[in-house]
C-alpha cells in the first residue's frame, strides 16, 4: 500500500500515478499530484 504525500502540503490532491509506456511498473505505486477539482489530470 502506498502512503504519504507531499501534495497536501501544496494544497493539491494526491492520486495514483498512471505509468506511461516508458515508465517502470513501480510507477503505478507512486503518488502523483493533481489540482483540486473534477476532471483534473493526475500528474
Protein backbone atom coordinates (compact mmCIF):
# COMPACT_ATOMS: atom_id res chain seq x y z
CA UNK A 1 0.00 0.00 0.00
CA UNK A 2 1.25 3.44 -0.83
CA UNK A 3 1.15 6.09 1.85
CA UNK A 4 2.44 9.58 2.39
CA UNK A 5 2.03 12.54 0.15
CA UNK A 6 3.60 15.95 -0.17
CA UNK A 7 0.70 17.01 -2.35
CA UNK A 8 -1.40 18.14 0.59
CA UNK A 9 1.36 20.46 1.73
CA UNK A 10 0.97 22.35 -1.54
CA UNK A 11 -2.82 22.35 -1.46
CA UNK A 12 -3.02 19.64 -4.07
CA UNK A 13 -4.80 16.31 -4.07
CA UNK A 14 -2.91 13.06 -4.23
CA UNK A 15 -3.78 10.48 -6.82
CA UNK A 16 -2.33 7.27 -8.14
CA UNK A 17 0.19 7.63 -10.92
CA UNK A 18 -0.63 6.10 -14.27
CA UNK A 19 2.52 4.56 -15.74
CA UNK A 20 3.38 5.58 -19.25
CA UNK A 21 4.96 3.30 -21.86
CA UNK A 22 8.46 4.30 -20.75
CA UNK A 23 7.83 4.18 -17.00
CA UNK A 24 8.78 1.25 -14.75
CA UNK A 25 5.94 -0.84 -13.28
CA UNK A 26 6.67 0.64 -9.86
CA UNK A 27 5.40 3.97 -11.18
CA UNK A 28 1.86 2.74 -10.51
CA UNK A 29 2.64 2.55 -6.80
CA UNK A 30 3.77 6.16 -6.57
CA UNK A 31 1.55 9.05 -5.63
CA UNK A 32 1.20 11.88 -8.08
CA UNK A 33 -0.46 15.22 -7.53
CA UNK A 34 -3.33 16.95 -9.21
CA UNK A 35 -5.10 20.25 -8.84
CA UNK A 36 -8.25 20.09 -6.72
CA UNK A 37 -11.45 19.78 -8.70
CA UNK A 38 -13.09 17.36 -11.05
CA UNK A 39 -11.54 16.18 -14.30
CA UNK A 40 -8.07 17.33 -13.30
CA UNK A 41 -5.27 15.20 -14.75
CA UNK A 42 -3.07 13.18 -12.43
CA UNK A 43 0.47 14.48 -12.87
